[in-house]
PDB file of N, CA and C in Angstrom:
ATOM      1  N   MET A   1     102.393 178.510   6.985  1.00  0.00           N
ATOM      2  CA  MET A   1     101.393 179.224   7.790  1.00  0.00           C
ATOM      3  C   MET A   1     101.331 180.733   7.538  1.00  0.00           C
ATOM      4  N   HIS A   2     100.317 181.203   7.360  1.00  0.00           N
ATOM      5  CA  HIS A   2      99.989 182.614   7.051  1.00  0.00           C
ATOM      6  C   HIS A   2      99.274 183.317   8.063  1.00  0.00           C
ATOM      7  N   GLU A   3      98.695 182.584   9.060  1.00  0.00           N
ATOM      8  CA  GLU A   3      97.907 183.531  10.067  1.00  0.00           C
ATOM      9  C   GLU A   3      98.926 183.794  11.273  1.00  0.00           C
ATOM     10  N   GLU A   4      98.652 184.678  11.680  1.00  0.00           N
ATOM     11  CA  GLU A   4      99.517 185.127  12.902  1.00  0.00           C
ATOM     12  C   GLU A   4      99.827 183.850  13.974  1.00  0.00           C
ATOM     13  N   PHE A   5     101.088 183.752  14.269  1.00  0.00           N
ATOM     14  CA  PHE A   5     101.323 182.747  15.107  1.00  0.00           C
ATOM     15  C   PHE A   5     100.878 183.094  16.694  1.00  0.00           C
ATOM     16  N   PRO A   6     100.196 182.014  17.401  1.00  0.00           N
ATOM     17  CA  PRO A   6      99.887 182.176  18.832  1.00  0.00           C
ATOM     18  C   PRO A   6     100.870 182.441  19.719  1.00  0.00           C
ATOM     19  N   TYR A   7     101.319 183.631  19.833  1.00  0.00           N
ATOM     20  CA  TYR A   7     102.505 184.154  20.611  1.00  0.00           C
ATOM     21  C   TYR A   7     102.447 183.819  22.126  1.00  0.00           C
ATOM     22  N   HIS A   8     101.241 183.686  22.603  1.00  0.00           N
ATOM     23  CA  HIS A   8     100.957 183.691  23.991  1.00  0.00           C
ATOM     24  C   HIS A   8     101.867 182.325  24.527  1.00  0.00           C
ATOM     25  N   ASN A   9     101.765 181.377  23.694  1.00  0.00           N
ATOM     26  CA  ASN A   9     102.294 179.883  24.220  1.00  0.00           C
ATOM     27  C   ASN A   9     103.232 179.337  23.055  1.00  0.00           C
ATOM     28  N   TRP A  10     104.566 179.506  23.522  1.00  0.00           N
ATOM     29  CA  TRP A  10     105.342 179.123  22.318  1.00  0.00           C
ATOM     30  C   TRP A  10     105.600 177.531  22.429  1.00  0.00           C
ATOM     31  N   ASN A  11     104.724 176.785  23.219  1.00  0.00           N
ATOM     32  CA  ASN A  11     104.939 175.238  22.972  1.00  0.00           C
ATOM     33  C   ASN A  11     104.335 174.786  21.815  1.00  0.00           C
ATOM     34  N   PHE A  12     103.485 175.697  21.085  1.00  0.00           N
ATOM     35  CA  PHE A  12     102.854 175.389  19.870  1.00  0.00           C
ATOM     36  C   PHE A  12     103.763 175.599  18.603  1.00  0.00           C
ATOM     37  N   LEU A  13     105.286 175.798  18.843  1.00  0.00           N
ATOM     38  CA  LEU A  13     106.094 176.156  18.006  1.00  0.00           C
ATOM     39  C   LEU A  13     106.331 175.206  16.814  1.00  0.00           C
ATOM     40  N   GLU A  14     106.458 173.835  17.365  1.00  0.00           N
ATOM     41  CA  GLU A  14     106.824 172.634  16.437  1.00  0.00           C
ATOM     42  C   GLU A  14     107.318 172.995  14.994  1.00  0.00           C
ATOM     43  N   ASN A  15     106.545 172.941  13.991  1.00  0.00           N
ATOM     44  CA  ASN A  15     107.072 173.036  12.542  1.00  0.00           C
ATOM     45  C   ASN A  15     106.942 174.547  11.940  1.00  0.00           C
ATOM     46  N   TYR A  16     106.501 175.621  12.894  1.00  0.00           N
ATOM     47  CA  TYR A  16     106.277 176.857  12.509  1.00  0.00           C
ATOM     48  C   TYR A  16     107.557 177.595  12.363  1.00  0.00           C
ATOM     49  N   TRP A  17     108.650 176.979  12.920  1.00  0.00           N
ATOM     50  CA  TRP A  17     109.915 177.890  12.830  1.00  0.00           C
ATOM     51  C   TRP A  17     110.857 177.674  11.720  1.00  0.00           C
ATOM     52  N   VAL A  18     111.466 178.588  11.304  1.00  0.00           N
ATOM     53  CA  VAL A  18     112.486 178.367  10.250  1.00  0.00           C
ATOM     54  C   VAL A  18     113.809 178.305  10.534  1.00  0.00           C
ATOM     55  N   LYS A  19     114.287 179.230  11.670  1.00  0.00           N
ATOM     56  CA  LYS A  19     115.628 178.965  12.159  1.00  0.00           C
ATOM     57  C   LYS A  19     115.590 179.846  13.325  1.00  0.00           C
ATOM     58  N   TYR A  20     116.925 179.616  13.973  1.00  0.00           N
ATOM     59  CA  TYR A  20     117.254 180.276  15.325  1.00  0.00           C
ATOM     60  C   TYR A  20     118.428 180.848  15.233  1.00  0.00           C
ATOM     61  N   GLU A  21     118.764 182.083  15.636  1.00  0.00           N
ATOM     62  CA  GLU A  21     119.943 182.856  15.687  1.00  0.00           C
ATOM     63  C   GLU A  21     120.261 183.288  17.108  1.00  0.00           C
ATOM     64  N   GLY A  22     121.509 182.798  17.778  1.00  0.00           N
ATOM     65  CA  GLY A  22     121.571 183.276  19.038  1.00  0.00           C
ATOM     66  C   GLY A  22     122.471 182.354  19.816  1.00  0.00           C
ATOM     67  N   GLU A  23     122.522 182.499  20.950  1.00  0.00           N
ATOM     68  CA  GLU A  23     123.264 181.542  21.919  1.00  0.00           C
ATOM     69  C   GLU A  23     122.778 180.275  22.222  1.00  0.00           C
ATOM     70  N   PHE A  24     123.633 179.600  22.507  1.00  0.00           N
ATOM     71  CA  PHE A  24     123.482 177.999  22.736  1.00  0.00           C
ATOM     72  C   PHE A  24     124.044 177.545  24.155  1.00  0.00           C
ATOM     73  N   SER A  25     123.566 176.572  24.796  1.00  0.00           N
ATOM     74  CA  SER A  25     124.239 176.070  25.983  1.00  0.00           C
ATOM     75  C   SER A  25     124.025 174.444  25.912  1.00  0.00           C
ATOM     76  N   GLN A  26     124.834 173.731  25.819  1.00  0.00           N
ATOM     77  CA  GLN A  26     124.622 172.221  25.625  1.00  0.00           C
ATOM     78  C   GLN A  26     123.555 171.988  24.570  1.00  0.00           C
ATOM     79  N   ASP A  27     123.624 172.455  23.417  1.00  0.00           N
ATOM     80  CA  ASP A  27     122.787 172.233  22.249  1.00  0.00           C
ATOM     81  C   ASP A  27     121.310 172.793  22.475  1.00  0.00           C
ATOM     82  N   ASN A  28     121.003 173.710  23.466  1.00  0.00           N
ATOM     83  CA  ASN A  28     119.781 174.109  23.685  1.00  0.00           C
ATOM     84  C   ASN A  28     119.910 175.657  23.384  1.00  0.00           C
ATOM     85  N   LYS A  29     118.811 176.207  23.026  1.00  0.00           N
ATOM     86  CA  LYS A  29     118.688 177.743  22.974  1.00  0.00           C
ATOM     87  C   LYS A  29     118.885 178.383  24.540  1.00  0.00           C
ATOM     88  N   HIS A  30     119.883 179.171  24.803  1.00  0.00           N
ATOM     89  CA  HIS A  30     120.114 179.711  26.016  1.00  0.00           C
ATOM     90  C   HIS A  30     120.797 180.907  25.867  1.00  0.00           C
ATOM     91  N   GLY A  31     120.108 182.071  26.431  1.00  0.00           N
ATOM     92  CA  GLY A  31     120.815 183.455  26.373  1.00  0.00           C
ATOM     93  C   GLY A  31     119.962 184.128  25.357  1.00  0.00           C
ATOM     94  N   LYS A  32     120.600 185.076  24.754  1.00  0.00           N
ATOM     95  CA  LYS A  32     119.760 186.023  23.735  1.00  0.00           C
ATOM     96  C   LYS A  32     119.765 185.374  22.338  1.00  0.00           C
ATOM     97  N   GLY A  33     118.475 185.570  21.647  1.00  0.00           N
ATOM     98  CA  GLY A  33     118.344 185.076  20.457  1.00  0.00           C
ATOM     99  C   GLY A  33     117.081 185.345  19.947  1.00  0.00           C
ATOM    100  N   ARG A  34     116.992 184.768  18.613  1.00  0.00           N
ATOM    101  CA  ARG A  34     115.803 185.301  17.809  1.00  0.00           C
ATOM    102  C   ARG A  34     115.483 183.977  17.069  1.00  0.00           C
ATOM    103  N   ILE A  35     114.254 183.874  16.874  1.00  0.00           N
ATOM    104  CA  ILE A  35     113.440 182.638  16.409  1.00  0.00           C
ATOM    105  C   ILE A  35     112.742 183.241  15.075  1.00  0.00           C
ATOM    106  N   TYR A  36     112.873 182.787  13.925  1.00  0.00           N
ATOM    107  CA  TYR A  36     112.042 183.291  12.710  1.00  0.00           C
ATOM    108  C   TYR A  36     111.028 182.022  12.524  1.00  0.00           C
ATOM    109  N   LEU A  37     109.921 182.713  12.033  1.00  0.00           N
ATOM    110  CA  LEU A  37     108.711 181.715  11.947  1.00  0.00           C
ATOM    111  C   LEU A  37     108.437 181.585  10.355  1.00  0.00           C
ATOM    112  N   THR A  38     107.573 180.679  10.086  1.00  0.00           N
ATOM    113  CA  THR A  38     107.219 180.489   8.493  1.00  0.00           C
ATOM    114  C   THR A  38     106.191 181.641   8.065  1.00  0.00           C
ATOM    115  N   SER A  39     105.538 182.217   8.926  1.00  0.00           N
ATOM    116  CA  SER A  39     104.590 183.401   9.079  1.00  0.00           C
ATOM    117  C   SER A  39     105.441 184.844   8.670  1.00  0.00           C
ATOM    118  N   ASP A  40     106.633 184.698   8.485  1.00  0.00           N
ATOM    119  CA  ASP A  40     107.260 186.083   8.457  1.00  0.00           C
ATOM    120  C   ASP A  40     107.327 186.982   9.563  1.00  0.00           C
ATOM    121  N   GLU A  41     107.091 186.102  10.909  1.00  0.00           N
ATOM    122  CA  GLU A  41     106.994 186.683  12.159  1.00  0.00           C
ATOM    123  C   GLU A  41     108.263 186.382  12.903  1.00  0.00           C
ATOM    124  N   TYR A  42     108.745 187.034  14.054  1.00  0.00           N
ATOM    125  CA  TYR A  42     110.020 186.386  14.707  1.00  0.00           C
ATOM    126  C   TYR A  42     109.701 187.021  16.189  1.00  0.00           C
ATOM    127  N   VAL A  43     110.446 186.459  16.986  1.00  0.00           N
ATOM    128  CA  VAL A  43     110.519 186.854  18.161  1.00  0.00           C
ATOM    129  C   VAL A  43     112.115 187.023  18.573  1.00  0.00           C
ATOM    130  N   GLU A  44     112.244 188.017  19.382  1.00  0.00           N
ATOM    131  CA  GLU A  44     113.711 188.361  19.875  1.00  0.00           C
ATOM    132  C   GLU A  44     113.641 188.385  21.401  1.00  0.00           C
ATOM    133  N   GLY A  45     114.437 187.588  21.998  1.00  0.00           N
ATOM    134  CA  GLY A  45     114.544 187.798  23.501  1.00  0.00           C
ATOM    135  C   GLY A  45     115.578 186.867  24.132  1.00  0.00           C
ATOM    136  N   GLU A  46     115.144 186.495  25.195  1.00  0.00           N
ATOM    137  CA  GLU A  46     115.943 185.710  26.222  1.00  0.00           C
ATOM    138  C   GLU A  46     115.376 184.141  26.434  1.00  0.00           C
ATOM    139  N   PHE A  47     116.257 183.488  26.192  1.00  0.00           N
ATOM    140  CA  PHE A  47     116.009 181.799  26.273  1.00  0.00           C
ATOM    141  C   PHE A  47     116.776 181.126  27.194  1.00  0.00           C
ATOM    142  N   ARG A  48     116.023 180.153  27.929  1.00  0.00           N
ATOM    143  CA  ARG A  48     116.784 179.233  28.813  1.00  0.00           C
ATOM    144  C   ARG A  48     116.327 178.193  28.787  1.00  0.00           C
ATOM    145  N   ASP A  49     117.179 176.982  28.635  1.00  0.00           N
ATOM    146  CA  ASP A  49     116.953 175.557  28.684  1.00  0.00           C
ATOM    147  C   ASP A  49     116.015 175.400  27.306  1.00  0.00           C
ATOM    148  N   ASP A  50     116.194 176.019  26.166  1.00  0.00           N
ATOM    149  CA  ASP A  50     115.485 175.682  24.985  1.00  0.00           C
ATOM    150  C   ASP A  50     114.175 176.340  25.004  1.00  0.00           C
ATOM    151  N   MET A  51     113.771 176.903  25.903  1.00  0.00           N
ATOM    152  CA  MET A  51     112.257 177.967  26.045  1.00  0.00           C
ATOM    153  C   MET A  51     112.598 179.369  26.177  1.00  0.00           C
ATOM    154  N   LEU A  52     111.518 179.888  25.789  1.00  0.00           N
ATOM    155  CA  LEU A  52     111.429 181.483  25.872  1.00  0.00           C
ATOM    156  C   LEU A  52     111.237 181.739  27.141  1.00  0.00           C
ATOM    157  N   ASN A  53     112.349 182.397  27.944  1.00  0.00           N
ATOM    158  CA  ASN A  53     112.386 182.534  29.264  1.00  0.00           C
ATOM    159  C   ASN A  53     112.652 183.933  29.508  1.00  0.00           C
ATOM    160  N   GLY A  54     112.116 185.030  29.888  1.00  0.00           N
ATOM    161  CA  GLY A  54     112.543 186.394  30.191  1.00  0.00           C
ATOM    162  C   GLY A  54     111.812 187.330  29.373  1.00  0.00           C
ATOM    163  N   TRP A  55     112.376 188.626  29.110  1.00  0.00           N
ATOM    164  CA  TRP A  55     111.581 189.687  28.441  1.00  0.00           C
ATOM    165  C   TRP A  55     111.996 189.416  26.871  1.00  0.00           C
ATOM    166  N   ALA A  56     110.940 189.792  26.083  1.00  0.00           N
ATOM    167  CA  ALA A  56     111.059 189.302  24.595  1.00  0.00           C
ATOM    168  C   ALA A  56     110.182 190.326  23.832  1.00  0.00           C
ATOM    169  N   LYS A  57     110.336 190.488  22.385  1.00  0.00           N
ATOM    170  CA  LYS A  57     109.617 191.246  21.700  1.00  0.00           C
ATOM    171  C   LYS A  57     108.987 190.190  20.684  1.00  0.00           C
ATOM    172  N   PHE A  58     107.798 189.993  20.323  1.00  0.00           N
ATOM    173  CA  PHE A  58     107.237 189.299  19.309  1.00  0.00           C
ATOM    174  C   PHE A  58     106.994 190.375  18.058  1.00  0.00           C
ATOM    175  N   TYR A  59     107.471 190.261  16.984  1.00  0.00           N
ATOM    176  CA  TYR A  59     107.139 191.040  15.834  1.00  0.00           C
ATOM    177  C   TYR A  59     106.125 190.411  14.901  1.00  0.00           C
ATOM    178  N   LYS A  60     104.894 191.228  14.740  1.00  0.00           N
ATOM    179  CA  LYS A  60     104.035 190.628  13.824  1.00  0.00           C
ATOM    180  C   LYS A  60     104.159 190.756  12.322  1.00  0.00           C
ATOM    181  N   GLN A  61     103.397 190.328  11.458  1.00  0.00           N
ATOM    182  CA  GLN A  61     103.492 190.295  10.124  1.00  0.00           C
ATOM    183  C   GLN A  61     103.619 191.834   9.694  1.00  0.00           C
ATOM    184  N   ASN A  62     102.537 192.715  10.450  1.00  0.00           N
ATOM    185  CA  ASN A  62     102.376 193.964  10.002  1.00  0.00           C
ATOM    186  C   ASN A  62     103.381 195.183  10.476  1.00  0.00           C
ATOM    187  N   GLY A  63     104.285 194.412  11.196  1.00  0.00           N
ATOM    188  CA  GLY A  63     105.386 195.402  11.845  1.00  0.00           C
ATOM    189  C   GLY A  63     105.283 195.659  13.153  1.00  0.00           C
ATOM    190  N   ASP A  64     103.925 195.587  13.809  1.00  0.00           N
ATOM    191  CA  ASP A  64     103.708 195.810  15.074  1.00  0.00           C
ATOM    192  C   ASP A  64     104.326 194.628  16.087  1.00  0.00           C
ATOM    193  N   TYR A  65     104.607 195.155  17.210  1.00  0.00           N
ATOM    194  CA  TYR A  65     105.225 194.139  18.255  1.00  0.00           C
ATOM    195  C   TYR A  65     104.392 194.135  19.499  1.00  0.00           C
ATOM    196  N   ILE A  66     104.619 192.930  20.143  1.00  0.00           N
ATOM    197  CA  ILE A  66     103.951 192.812  21.333  1.00  0.00           C
ATOM    198  C   ILE A  66     105.349 192.555  22.428  1.00  0.00           C
ATOM    199  N   GLU A  67     105.442 193.353  23.239  1.00  0.00           N
ATOM    200  CA  GLU A  67     106.581 193.109  24.391  1.00  0.00           C
ATOM    201  C   GLU A  67     106.153 192.440  25.666  1.00  0.00           C
ATOM    202  N   GLY A  68     106.854 191.538  26.139  1.00  0.00           N
ATOM    203  CA  GLY A  68     106.365 191.075  27.267  1.00  0.00           C
ATOM    204  C   GLY A  68     107.305 190.035  27.973  1.00  0.00           C
ATOM    205  N   ARG A  69     106.846 189.220  28.974  1.00  0.00           N
ATOM    206  CA  ARG A  69     107.789 188.302  29.763  1.00  0.00           C
ATOM    207  C   ARG A  69     107.342 186.961  29.647  1.00  0.00           C
ATOM    208  N   TRP A  70     108.082 186.036  29.225  1.00  0.00           N
ATOM    209  CA  TRP A  70     107.383 184.651  29.171  1.00  0.00           C
ATOM    210  C   TRP A  70     108.302 183.989  30.196  1.00  0.00           C
ATOM    211  N   GLU A  71     107.377 182.970  30.662  1.00  0.00           N
ATOM    212  CA  GLU A  71     108.251 181.881  31.638  1.00  0.00           C
ATOM    213  C   GLU A  71     107.913 180.444  30.956  1.00  0.00           C
ATOM    214  N   ASN A  72     108.908 179.649  30.588  1.00  0.00           N
ATOM    215  CA  ASN A  72     108.622 178.476  30.162  1.00  0.00           C
ATOM    216  C   ASN A  72     107.769 178.474  28.863  1.00  0.00           C
ATOM    217  N   ASN A  73     107.977 179.260  27.931  1.00  0.00           N
ATOM    218  CA  ASN A  73     107.391 179.551  26.803  1.00  0.00           C
ATOM    219  C   ASN A  73     105.968 180.093  26.833  1.00  0.00           C
ATOM    220  N   VAL A  74     105.324 180.604  28.111  1.00  0.00           N
ATOM    221  CA  VAL A  74     103.947 181.206  28.186  1.00  0.00           C
ATOM    222  C   VAL A  74     104.088 182.390  28.722  1.00  0.00           C
ATOM    223  N   LEU A  75     103.460 183.435  27.774  1.00  0.00           N
ATOM    224  CA  LEU A  75     103.279 184.945  28.133  1.00  0.00           C
ATOM    225  C   LEU A  75     102.684 185.055  29.578  1.00  0.00           C
ATOM    226  N   VAL A  76     103.428 185.753  30.368  1.00  0.00           N
ATOM    227  CA  VAL A  76     102.872 185.994  31.772  1.00  0.00           C
ATOM    228  C   VAL A  76     102.791 187.416  31.979  1.00  0.00           C
ATOM    229  N   GLU A  77     103.237 188.446  31.190  1.00  0.00           N
ATOM    230  CA  GLU A  77     103.222 189.607  31.512  1.00  0.00           C
ATOM    231  C   GLU A  77     103.551 190.401  30.316  1.00  0.00           C
ATOM    232  N   LEU A  78     102.658 191.667  30.143  1.00  0.00           N
ATOM    233  CA  LEU A  78     102.772 192.451  28.821  1.00  0.00           C
ATOM    234  C   LEU A  78     103.294 193.797  29.314  1.00  0.00           C
ATOM    235  N   ARG A  79     104.186 194.441  28.569  1.00  0.00           N
ATOM    236  CA  ARG A  79     104.836 195.600  28.746  1.00  0.00           C
ATOM    237  C   ARG A  79     103.983 196.775  28.055  1.00  0.00           C
ATOM    238  N   ASN A  80     103.673 197.684  28.829  1.00  0.00           N
ATOM    239  CA  ASN A  80     102.842 198.762  28.111  1.00  0.00           C
ATOM    240  C   ASN A  80     103.748 199.530  27.080  1.00  0.00           C
TER     241      ASN A  80
END
């Protein structure tokens, strides 16, 4: 995948991720962590029950980032 990942909705993650580094609970991503994508982008933030939940930063291919709050993998608020 060479185009930018659709970071608004992480339910499309499927085969686009390379690895996860971070905290787990009962084999689920839970706590602070980072997901690296095949597009050389990554997200760093808070996970709960294997989903992006809480504040996070999504780092784009060009080095810019989006900071926002996700609930159950869906972006609900951008931070200016």
